[in-house]
Amino acid sequence: MGNVLLAASLNENLQEIINKLSELMDSFWIYIVMALAAVVVIWGAYVGIRIAVAHRNEEKINARDMVKNLIIGIVIIFVVAMGAPLLINGLSAWVG
């Protein structure tokens, strides 16, 4: 009997945490996306300037590596941005 009450209170607490997390994500989501977009634009401009200014072969190779890292970063940001709400909804469905 004690285990049933403990499990019920744990589920209620977990559901409350997930609800709060979901509300938090909903309220800050647009700001998070805007901040990430700004970082990508600024870093992309910086990398573009580095490519334009590069004269030596070594600098060009470093600039190409920076472009690769920028693309990988954009992909990772996109995956996390799409995965976070799905993860929260999955947790909500699992608890509910």
PDB file of N, CA and C in Angstrom:
ATOM      1  N   MET A   1       0.825  -1.195   0.000  1.00  0.00           N
ATOM      2  CA  MET A   1       0.000   0.000   0.000  1.00  0.00           C
ATOM      3  C   MET A   1       0.867   1.257   0.000  1.00  0.00           C
ATOM      4  N   GLY A   2       1.949   1.234   0.781  1.00  0.00           N
ATOM      5  CA  GLY A   2       2.857   2.370   0.857  1.00  0.00           C
ATOM      6  C   GLY A   2       3.529   2.636  -0.478  1.00  0.00           C
ATOM      7  N   ASN A   3       3.851   1.532  -1.213  1.00  0.00           N
ATOM      8  CA  ASN A   3       4.492   1.692  -2.518  1.00  0.00           C
ATOM      9  C   ASN A   3       3.551   2.338  -3.530  1.00  0.00           C
ATOM     10  N   VAL A   4       2.259   2.001  -3.455  1.00  0.00           N
ATOM     11  CA  VAL A   4       1.280   2.579  -4.379  1.00  0.00           C
ATOM     12  C   VAL A   4       1.155   4.081  -4.138  1.00  0.00           C
ATOM     13  N   LEU A   5       1.100   4.479  -2.855  1.00  0.00           N
ATOM     14  CA  LEU A   5       1.014   5.905  -2.532  1.00  0.00           C
ATOM     15  C   LEU A   5       2.278   6.635  -2.956  1.00  0.00           C
ATOM     16  N   LEU A   6       3.431   6.002  -2.749  1.00  0.00           N
ATOM     17  CA  LEU A   6       4.701   6.606  -3.139  1.00  0.00           C
ATOM     18  C   LEU A   6       4.767   6.772  -4.651  1.00  0.00           C
ATOM     19  N   ALA A   7       4.354   5.758  -5.391  1.00  0.00           N
ATOM     20  CA  ALA A   7       4.365   5.827  -6.854  1.00  0.00           C
ATOM     21  C   ALA A   7       3.397   6.888  -7.356  1.00  0.00           C
ATOM     22  N   ALA A   8       2.235   6.996  -6.725  1.00  0.00           N
ATOM     23  CA  ALA A   8       1.250   7.993  -7.136  1.00  0.00           C
ATOM     24  C   ALA A   8       1.777   9.403  -6.890  1.00  0.00           C
ATOM     25  N   SER A   9       2.386   9.627  -5.724  1.00  0.00           N
ATOM     26  CA  SER A   9       2.913  10.962  -5.439  1.00  0.00           C
ATOM     27  C   SER A   9       4.111  11.273  -6.328  1.00  0.00           C
ATOM     28  N   LEU A  10       4.920  10.263  -6.655  1.00  0.00           N
ATOM     29  CA  LEU A  10       6.054  10.468  -7.560  1.00  0.00           C
ATOM     30  C   LEU A  10       5.560  10.835  -8.954  1.00  0.00           C
ATOM     31  N   ASN A  11       4.518  10.158  -9.427  1.00  0.00           N
ATOM     32  CA  ASN A  11       3.945  10.476 -10.742  1.00  0.00           C
ATOM     33  C   ASN A  11       3.370  11.886 -10.765  1.00  0.00           C
ATOM     34  N   GLU A  12       2.678  12.273  -9.681  1.00  0.00           N
ATOM     35  CA  GLU A  12       2.119  13.626  -9.610  1.00  0.00           C
ATOM     36  C   GLU A  12       3.227  14.670  -9.624  1.00  0.00           C
ATOM     37  N   ASN A  13       4.283  14.433  -8.855  1.00  0.00           N
ATOM     38  CA  ASN A  13       5.402  15.371  -8.819  1.00  0.00           C
ATOM     39  C   ASN A  13       6.089  15.452 -10.177  1.00  0.00           C
ATOM     40  N   LEU A  14       6.289  14.304 -10.812  1.00  0.00           N
ATOM     41  CA  LEU A  14       6.923  14.266 -12.126  1.00  0.00           C
ATOM     42  C   LEU A  14       6.058  14.978 -13.158  1.00  0.00           C
ATOM     43  N   GLN A  15       4.747  14.779 -13.082  1.00  0.00           N
ATOM     44  CA  GLN A  15       3.830  15.446 -14.014  1.00  0.00           C
ATOM     45  C   GLN A  15       3.874  16.955 -13.805  1.00  0.00           C
ATOM     46  N   GLU A  16       3.940  17.379 -12.539  1.00  0.00           N
ATOM     47  CA  GLU A  16       4.015  18.809 -12.244  1.00  0.00           C
ATOM     48  C   GLU A  16       5.309  19.408 -12.794  1.00  0.00           C
ATOM     49  N   ILE A  17       6.417  18.695 -12.641  1.00  0.00           N
ATOM     50  CA  ILE A  17       7.705  19.163 -13.170  1.00  0.00           C
ATOM     51  C   ILE A  17       7.646  19.268 -14.687  1.00  0.00           C
ATOM     52  N   ILE A  18       7.069  18.280 -15.332  1.00  0.00           N
ATOM     53  CA  ILE A  18       6.970  18.287 -16.795  1.00  0.00           C
ATOM     54  C   ILE A  18       6.070  19.420 -17.265  1.00  0.00           C
ATOM     55  N   ASN A  19       4.975  19.655 -16.556  1.00  0.00           N
ATOM     56  CA  ASN A  19       4.093  20.772 -16.910  1.00  0.00           C
ATOM     57  C   ASN A  19       4.821  22.112 -16.796  1.00  0.00           C
ATOM     58  N   LYS A  20       5.578  22.290 -15.712  1.00  0.00           N
ATOM     59  CA  LYS A  20       6.339  23.525 -15.515  1.00  0.00           C
ATOM     60  C   LYS A  20       7.393  23.674 -16.608  1.00  0.00           C
ATOM     61  N   LEU A  21       8.081  22.576 -16.939  1.00  0.00           N
ATOM     62  CA  LEU A  21       9.098  22.592 -17.985  1.00  0.00           C
ATOM     63  C   LEU A  21       8.481  22.942 -19.332  1.00  0.00           C
ATOM     64  N   SER A  22       7.319  22.392 -19.599  1.00  0.00           N
ATOM     65  CA  SER A  22       6.619  22.675 -20.850  1.00  0.00           C
ATOM     66  C   SER A  22       6.205  24.140 -20.922  1.00  0.00           C
ATOM     67  N   GLU A  23       5.689  24.679 -19.821  1.00  0.00           N
ATOM     68  CA  GLU A  23       5.316  26.101 -19.781  1.00  0.00           C
ATOM     69  C   GLU A  23       6.537  26.984 -19.990  1.00  0.00           C
ATOM     70  N   LEU A  24       7.645  26.617 -19.361  1.00  0.00           N
ATOM     71  CA  LEU A  24       8.881  27.377 -19.492  1.00  0.00           C
ATOM     72  C   LEU A  24       9.370  27.372 -20.939  1.00  0.00           C
ATOM     73  N   MET A  25       9.349  26.202 -21.572  1.00  0.00           N
ATOM     74  CA  MET A  25       9.783  26.092 -22.966  1.00  0.00           C
ATOM     75  C   MET A  25       8.873  26.910 -23.869  1.00  0.00           C
ATOM     76  N   ASP A  26       7.563  26.861 -23.618  1.00  0.00           N
ATOM     77  CA  ASP A  26       6.630  27.624 -24.446  1.00  0.00           C
ATOM     78  C   ASP A  26       6.865  29.131 -24.321  1.00  0.00           C
ATOM     79  N   SER A  27       7.168  29.589 -23.116  1.00  0.00           N
ATOM     80  CA  SER A  27       7.314  31.023 -22.907  1.00  0.00           C
ATOM     81  C   SER A  27       8.646  31.556 -23.440  1.00  0.00           C
ATOM     82  N   PHE A  28       9.706  30.745 -23.416  1.00  0.00           N
ATOM     83  CA  PHE A  28      11.019  31.212 -23.839  1.00  0.00           C
ATOM     84  C   PHE A  28      11.421  30.731 -25.221  1.00  0.00           C
ATOM     85  N   TRP A  29      10.608  29.920 -25.862  1.00  0.00           N
ATOM     86  CA  TRP A  29      11.006  29.264 -27.109  1.00  0.00           C
ATOM     87  C   TRP A  29      11.404  30.260 -28.188  1.00  0.00           C
ATOM     88  N   ILE A  30      10.614  31.304 -28.394  1.00  0.00           N
ATOM     89  CA  ILE A  30      10.906  32.273 -29.458  1.00  0.00           C
ATOM     90  C   ILE A  30      12.212  33.007 -29.169  1.00  0.00           C
ATOM     91  N   TYR A  31      12.475  33.304 -27.896  1.00  0.00           N
ATOM     92  CA  TYR A  31      13.713  34.003 -27.541  1.00  0.00           C
ATOM     93  C   TYR A  31      14.928  33.098 -27.737  1.00  0.00           C
ATOM     94  N   ILE A  32      14.780  31.824 -27.416  1.00  0.00           N
ATOM     95  CA  ILE A  32      15.873  30.874 -27.615  1.00  0.00           C
ATOM     96  C   ILE A  32      16.197  30.755 -29.100  1.00  0.00           C
ATOM     97  N   VAL A  33      15.175  30.619 -29.928  1.00  0.00           N
ATOM     98  CA  VAL A  33      15.372  30.493 -31.375  1.00  0.00           C
ATOM     99  C   VAL A  33      16.008  31.766 -31.935  1.00  0.00           C
ATOM    100  N   MET A  34      15.541  32.932 -31.489  1.00  0.00           N
ATOM    101  CA  MET A  34      16.112  34.192 -31.973  1.00  0.00           C
ATOM    102  C   MET A  34      17.575  34.339 -31.561  1.00  0.00           C
ATOM    103  N   ALA A  35      17.901  33.950 -30.332  1.00  0.00           N
ATOM    104  CA  ALA A  35      19.280  34.043 -29.864  1.00  0.00           C
ATOM    105  C   ALA A  35      20.179  33.101 -30.661  1.00  0.00           C
ATOM    106  N   LEU A  36      19.721  31.885 -30.892  1.00  0.00           N
ATOM    107  CA  LEU A  36      20.521  30.942 -31.666  1.00  0.00           C
ATOM    108  C   LEU A  36      20.695  31.423 -33.105  1.00  0.00           C
ATOM    109  N   ALA A  37      19.646  31.986 -33.694  1.00  0.00           N
ATOM    110  CA  ALA A  37      19.748  32.521 -35.057  1.00  0.00           C
ATOM    111  C   ALA A  37      20.745  33.676 -35.103  1.00  0.00           C
ATOM    112  N   ALA A  38      20.730  34.534 -34.095  1.00  0.00           N
ATOM    113  CA  ALA A  38      21.677  35.650 -34.051  1.00  0.00           C
ATOM    114  C   ALA A  38      23.111  35.146 -33.943  1.00  0.00           C
ATOM    115  N   VAL A  39      23.335  34.142 -33.111  1.00  0.00           N
ATOM    116  CA  VAL A  39      24.678  33.576 -32.969  1.00  0.00           C
ATOM    117  C   VAL A  39      25.145  32.981 -34.293  1.00  0.00           C
ATOM    118  N   VAL A  40      24.255  32.253 -34.973  1.00  0.00           N
ATOM    119  CA  VAL A  40      24.621  31.647 -36.252  1.00  0.00           C
ATOM    120  C   VAL A  40      24.949  32.726 -37.285  1.00  0.00           C
ATOM    121  N   VAL A  41      24.157  33.788 -37.340  1.00  0.00           N
ATOM    122  CA  VAL A  41      24.406  34.860 -38.310  1.00  0.00           C
ATOM    123  C   VAL A  41      25.730  35.562 -38.016  1.00  0.00           C
ATOM    124  N   ILE A  42      25.975  35.889 -36.760  1.00  0.00           N
ATOM    125  CA  ILE A  42      27.211  36.586 -36.393  1.00  0.00           C
ATOM    126  C   ILE A  42      28.419  35.703 -36.665  1.00  0.00           C
ATOM    127  N   TRP A  43      28.356  34.437 -36.260  1.00  0.00           N
ATOM    128  CA  TRP A  43      29.478  33.530 -36.486  1.00  0.00           C
ATOM    129  C   TRP A  43      29.678  33.292 -37.986  1.00  0.00           C
ATOM    130  N   GLY A  44      28.586  33.188 -38.735  1.00  0.00           N
ATOM    131  CA  GLY A  44      28.691  33.019 -40.189  1.00  0.00           C
ATOM    132  C   GLY A  44      29.355  34.219 -40.834  1.00  0.00           C
ATOM    133  N   ALA A  45      29.017  35.418 -40.377  1.00  0.00           N
ATOM    134  CA  ALA A  45      29.653  36.628 -40.906  1.00  0.00           C
ATOM    135  C   ALA A  45      31.140  36.640 -40.571  1.00  0.00           C
ATOM    136  N   TYR A  46      31.480  36.239 -39.352  1.00  0.00           N
ATOM    137  CA  TYR A  46      32.888  36.185 -38.939  1.00  0.00           C
ATOM    138  C   TYR A  46      33.665  35.196 -39.805  1.00  0.00           C
ATOM    139  N   VAL A  47      33.089  34.015 -40.030  1.00  0.00           N
ATOM    140  CA  VAL A  47      33.752  33.007 -40.853  1.00  0.00           C
ATOM    141  C   VAL A  47      33.883  33.514 -42.289  1.00  0.00           C
ATOM    142  N   GLY A  48      32.846  34.171 -42.802  1.00  0.00           N
ATOM    143  CA  GLY A  48      32.911  34.724 -44.152  1.00  0.00           C
ATOM    144  C   GLY A  48      34.017  35.753 -44.291  1.00  0.00           C
ATOM    145  N   ILE A  49      34.166  36.601 -43.299  1.00  0.00           N
ATOM    146  CA  ILE A  49      35.243  37.603 -43.322  1.00  0.00           C
ATOM    147  C   ILE A  49      36.601  36.912 -43.281  1.00  0.00           C
ATOM    148  N   ARG A  50      36.707  35.873 -42.438  1.00  0.00           N
ATOM    149  CA  ARG A  50      37.980  35.141 -42.369  1.00  0.00           C
ATOM    150  C   ARG A  50      38.336  34.511 -43.713  1.00  0.00           C
ATOM    151  N   ILE A  51      37.340  33.990 -44.429  1.00  0.00           N
ATOM    152  CA  ILE A  51      37.592  33.396 -45.741  1.00  0.00           C
ATOM    153  C   ILE A  51      38.013  34.476 -46.734  1.00  0.00           C
ATOM    154  N   ALA A  52      37.337  35.616 -46.700  1.00  0.00           N
ATOM    155  CA  ALA A  52      37.647  36.696 -47.645  1.00  0.00           C
ATOM    156  C   ALA A  52      39.038  37.280 -47.407  1.00  0.00           C
ATOM    157  N   VAL A  53      39.472  37.319 -46.153  1.00  0.00           N
ATOM    158  CA  VAL A  53      40.750  37.929 -45.809  1.00  0.00           C
ATOM    159  C   VAL A  53      41.907  36.938 -45.960  1.00  0.00           C
ATOM    160  N   ALA A  54      41.613  35.652 -45.959  1.00  0.00           N
ATOM    161  CA  ALA A  54      42.672  34.636 -45.985  1.00  0.00           C
ATOM    162  C   ALA A  54      43.496  34.746 -47.261  1.00  0.00           C
ATOM    163  N   HIS A  55      44.803  34.853 -47.083  1.00  0.00           N
ATOM    164  CA  HIS A  55      45.713  34.941 -48.235  1.00  0.00           C
ATOM    165  C   HIS A  55      46.574  33.693 -48.344  1.00  0.00           C
ATOM    166  N   ARG A  56      47.061  33.220 -47.220  1.00  0.00           N
ATOM    167  CA  ARG A  56      47.932  32.040 -47.249  1.00  0.00           C
ATOM    168  C   ARG A  56      47.096  30.781 -47.265  1.00  0.00           C
ATOM    169  N   ASN A  57      47.704  29.721 -47.738  1.00  0.00           N
ATOM    170  CA  ASN A  57      47.033  28.423 -47.808  1.00  0.00           C
ATOM    171  C   ASN A  57      46.594  27.948 -46.427  1.00  0.00           C
ATOM    172  N   GLU A  58      47.447  28.152 -45.452  1.00  0.00           N
ATOM    173  CA  GLU A  58      47.156  27.720 -44.074  1.00  0.00           C
ATOM    174  C   GLU A  58      45.903  28.420 -43.540  1.00  0.00           C
ATOM    175  N   GLU A  59      45.784  29.704 -43.804  1.00  0.00           N
ATOM    176  CA  GLU A  59      44.606  30.455 -43.353  1.00  0.00           C
ATOM    177  C   GLU A  59      43.345  29.973 -44.057  1.00  0.00           C
ATOM    178  N   LYS A  60      43.461  29.643 -45.343  1.00  0.00           N
ATOM    179  CA  LYS A  60      42.304  29.145 -46.094  1.00  0.00           C
ATOM    180  C   LYS A  60      41.832  27.802 -45.553  1.00  0.00           C
ATOM    181  N   ILE A  61      42.771  26.936 -45.197  1.00  0.00           N
ATOM    182  CA  ILE A  61      42.412  25.629 -44.623  1.00  0.00           C
ATOM    183  C   ILE A  61      41.712  25.827 -43.280  1.00  0.00           C
ATOM    184  N   ASN A  62      42.238  26.734 -42.452  1.00  0.00           N
ATOM    185  CA  ASN A  62      41.591  27.017 -41.163  1.00  0.00           C
ATOM    186  C   ASN A  62      40.192  27.579 -41.367  1.00  0.00           C
ATOM    187  N   ALA A  63      40.033  28.443 -42.369  1.00  0.00           N
ATOM    188  CA  ALA A  63      38.717  29.026 -42.641  1.00  0.00           C
ATOM    189  C   ALA A  63      37.741  27.946 -43.113  1.00  0.00           C
ATOM    190  N   ARG A  64      38.204  27.018 -43.936  1.00  0.00           N
ATOM    191  CA  ARG A  64      37.329  25.914 -44.382  1.00  0.00           C
ATOM    192  C   ARG A  64      36.919  25.048 -43.202  1.00  0.00           C
ATOM    193  N   ASP A  65      37.853  24.801 -42.279  1.00  0.00           N
ATOM    194  CA  ASP A  65      37.502  24.035 -41.075  1.00  0.00           C
ATOM    195  C   ASP A  65      36.458  24.773 -40.240  1.00  0.00           C
ATOM    196  N   MET A  66      36.572  26.091 -40.193  1.00  0.00           N
ATOM    197  CA  MET A  66      35.586  26.879 -39.453  1.00  0.00           C
ATOM    198  C   MET A  66      34.206  26.775 -40.110  1.00  0.00           C
ATOM    199  N   VAL A  67      34.162  26.735 -41.450  1.00  0.00           N
ATOM    200  CA  VAL A  67      32.894  26.574 -42.160  1.00  0.00           C
ATOM    201  C   VAL A  67      32.282  25.211 -41.834  1.00  0.00           C
ATOM    202  N   LYS A  68      33.116  24.169 -41.838  1.00  0.00           N
ATOM    203  CA  LYS A  68      32.623  22.822 -41.490  1.00  0.00           C
ATOM    204  C   LYS A  68      32.060  22.818 -40.081  1.00  0.00           C
ATOM    205  N   ASN A  69      32.785  23.429 -39.148  1.00  0.00           N
ATOM    206  CA  ASN A  69      32.316  23.471 -37.759  1.00  0.00           C
ATOM    207  C   ASN A  69      31.021  24.267 -37.632  1.00  0.00           C
ATOM    208  N   LEU A  70      30.894  25.348 -38.416  1.00  0.00           N
ATOM    209  CA  LEU A  70      29.667  26.138 -38.394  1.00  0.00           C
ATOM    210  C   LEU A  70      28.480  25.302 -38.876  1.00  0.00           C
ATOM    211  N   ILE A  71      28.665  24.555 -39.948  1.00  0.00           N
ATOM    212  CA  ILE A  71      27.582  23.718 -40.481  1.00  0.00           C
ATOM    213  C   ILE A  71      27.211  22.622 -39.487  1.00  0.00           C
ATOM    214  N   ILE A  72      28.212  21.990 -38.888  1.00  0.00           N
ATOM    215  CA  ILE A  72      27.943  20.959 -37.878  1.00  0.00           C
ATOM    216  C   ILE A  72      27.192  21.569 -36.695  1.00  0.00           C
ATOM    217  N   GLY A  73      27.589  22.767 -36.269  1.00  0.00           N
ATOM    218  CA  GLY A  73      26.909  23.452 -35.170  1.00  0.00           C
ATOM    219  C   GLY A  73      25.466  23.761 -35.491  1.00  0.00           C
ATOM    220  N   ILE A  74      25.202  24.211 -36.725  1.00  0.00           N
ATOM    221  CA  ILE A  74      23.829  24.512 -37.132  1.00  0.00           C
ATOM    222  C   ILE A  74      22.981  23.244 -37.103  1.00  0.00           C
ATOM    223  N   VAL A  75      23.544  22.136 -37.590  1.00  0.00           N
ATOM    224  CA  VAL A  75      22.807  20.863 -37.579  1.00  0.00           C
ATOM    225  C   VAL A  75      22.507  20.431 -36.154  1.00  0.00           C
ATOM    226  N   ILE A  76      23.497  20.535 -35.266  1.00  0.00           N
ATOM    227  CA  ILE A  76      23.294  20.141 -33.863  1.00  0.00           C
ATOM    228  C   ILE A  76      22.239  21.029 -33.205  1.00  0.00           C
ATOM    229  N   ILE A  77      22.308  22.340 -33.447  1.00  0.00           N
ATOM    230  CA  ILE A  77      21.313  23.260 -32.882  1.00  0.00           C
ATOM    231  C   ILE A  77      19.920  22.899 -33.386  1.00  0.00           C
ATOM    232  N   PHE A  78      19.802  22.602 -34.683  1.00  0.00           N
ATOM    233  CA  PHE A  78      18.509  22.248 -35.258  1.00  0.00           C
ATOM    234  C   PHE A  78      17.961  20.970 -34.624  1.00  0.00           C
ATOM    235  N   VAL A  79      18.817  19.960 -34.473  1.00  0.00           N
ATOM    236  CA  VAL A  79      18.379  18.693 -33.886  1.00  0.00           C
ATOM    237  C   VAL A  79      17.921  18.899 -32.443  1.00  0.00           C
ATOM    238  N   VAL A  80      18.688  19.656 -31.674  1.00  0.00           N
ATOM    239  CA  VAL A  80      18.315  19.910 -30.276  1.00  0.00           C
ATOM    240  C   VAL A  80      17.025  20.736 -30.207  1.00  0.00           C
ATOM    241  N   ALA A  81      16.912  21.743 -31.086  1.00  0.00           N
ATOM    242  CA  ALA A  81      15.718  22.596 -31.078  1.00  0.00           C
ATOM    243  C   ALA A  81      14.470  21.799 -31.435  1.00  0.00           C
ATOM    244  N   MET A  82      14.585  20.856 -32.337  1.00  0.00           N
ATOM    245  CA  MET A  82      13.432  20.040 -32.712  1.00  0.00           C
ATOM    246  C   MET A  82      13.195  18.912 -31.698  1.00  0.00           C
ATOM    247  N   GLY A  83      14.264  18.436 -31.081  1.00  0.00           N
ATOM    248  CA  GLY A  83      14.147  17.296 -30.178  1.00  0.00           C
ATOM    249  C   GLY A  83      13.660  17.640 -28.784  1.00  0.00           C
ATOM    250  N   ALA A  84      13.953  18.849 -28.304  1.00  0.00           N
ATOM    251  CA  ALA A  84      13.581  19.212 -26.934  1.00  0.00           C
ATOM    252  C   ALA A  84      12.070  19.182 -26.710  1.00  0.00           C
ATOM    253  N   PRO A  85      11.262  19.816 -27.571  1.00  0.00           N
ATOM    254  CA  PRO A  85       9.807  19.731 -27.348  1.00  0.00           C
ATOM    255  C   PRO A  85       9.276  18.300 -27.479  1.00  0.00           C
ATOM    256  N   LEU A  86       9.849  17.540 -28.407  1.00  0.00           N
ATOM    257  CA  LEU A  86       9.420  16.146 -28.555  1.00  0.00           C
ATOM    258  C   LEU A  86       9.743  15.340 -27.309  1.00  0.00           C
ATOM    259  N   LEU A  87      10.914  15.590 -26.735  1.00  0.00           N
ATOM    260  CA  LEU A  87      11.309  14.900 -25.510  1.00  0.00           C
ATOM    261  C   LEU A  87      10.375  15.256 -24.362  1.00  0.00           C
ATOM    262  N   ILE A  88      10.045  16.537 -24.237  1.00  0.00           N
ATOM    263  CA  ILE A  88       9.135  16.971 -23.156  1.00  0.00           C
ATOM    264  C   ILE A  88       7.749  16.343 -23.364  1.00  0.00           C
ATOM    265  N   ASN A  89       7.252  16.348 -24.612  1.00  0.00           N
ATOM    266  CA  ASN A  89       5.957  15.730 -24.874  1.00  0.00           C
ATOM    267  C   ASN A  89       5.984  14.224 -24.627  1.00  0.00           C
ATOM    268  N   GLY A  90       7.100  13.587 -24.956  1.00  0.00           N
ATOM    269  CA  GLY A  90       7.243  12.160 -24.690  1.00  0.00           C
ATOM    270  C   GLY A  90       7.234  11.855 -23.213  1.00  0.00           C
ATOM    271  N   LEU A  91       7.932  12.674 -22.439  1.00  0.00           N
ATOM    272  CA  LEU A  91       7.918  12.494 -20.978  1.00  0.00           C
ATOM    273  C   LEU A  91       6.526  12.707 -20.424  1.00  0.00           C
ATOM    274  N   SER A  92       5.829  13.690 -20.952  1.00  0.00           N
ATOM    275  CA  SER A  92       4.474  13.975 -20.492  1.00  0.00           C
ATOM    276  C   SER A  92       3.548  12.805 -20.780  1.00  0.00           C
ATOM    277  N   ALA A  93       3.655  12.246 -21.979  1.00  0.00           N
ATOM    278  CA  ALA A  93       2.816  11.092 -22.336  1.00  0.00           C
ATOM    279  C   ALA A  93       3.192   9.867 -21.510  1.00  0.00           C
ATOM    280  N   TRP A  94       4.481   9.707 -21.235  1.00  0.00           N
ATOM    281  CA  TRP A  94       4.938   8.551 -20.458  1.00  0.00           C
ATOM    282  C   TRP A  94       4.431   8.614 -19.026  1.00  0.00           C
ATOM    283  N   VAL A  95       4.469   9.820 -18.441  1.00  0.00           N
ATOM    284  CA  VAL A  95       3.995   9.975 -17.061  1.00  0.00           C
ATOM    285  C   VAL A  95       2.475   9.904 -17.010  1.00  0.00           C
ATOM    286  N   GLY A  96       1.820  10.517 -18.007  1.00  0.00           N
ATOM    287  CA  GLY A  96       0.356  10.564 -17.997  1.00  0.00           C
ATOM    288  C   GLY A  96      -0.202   9.247 -18.414  1.00  0.00           C
TER     289      GLY A  96
END
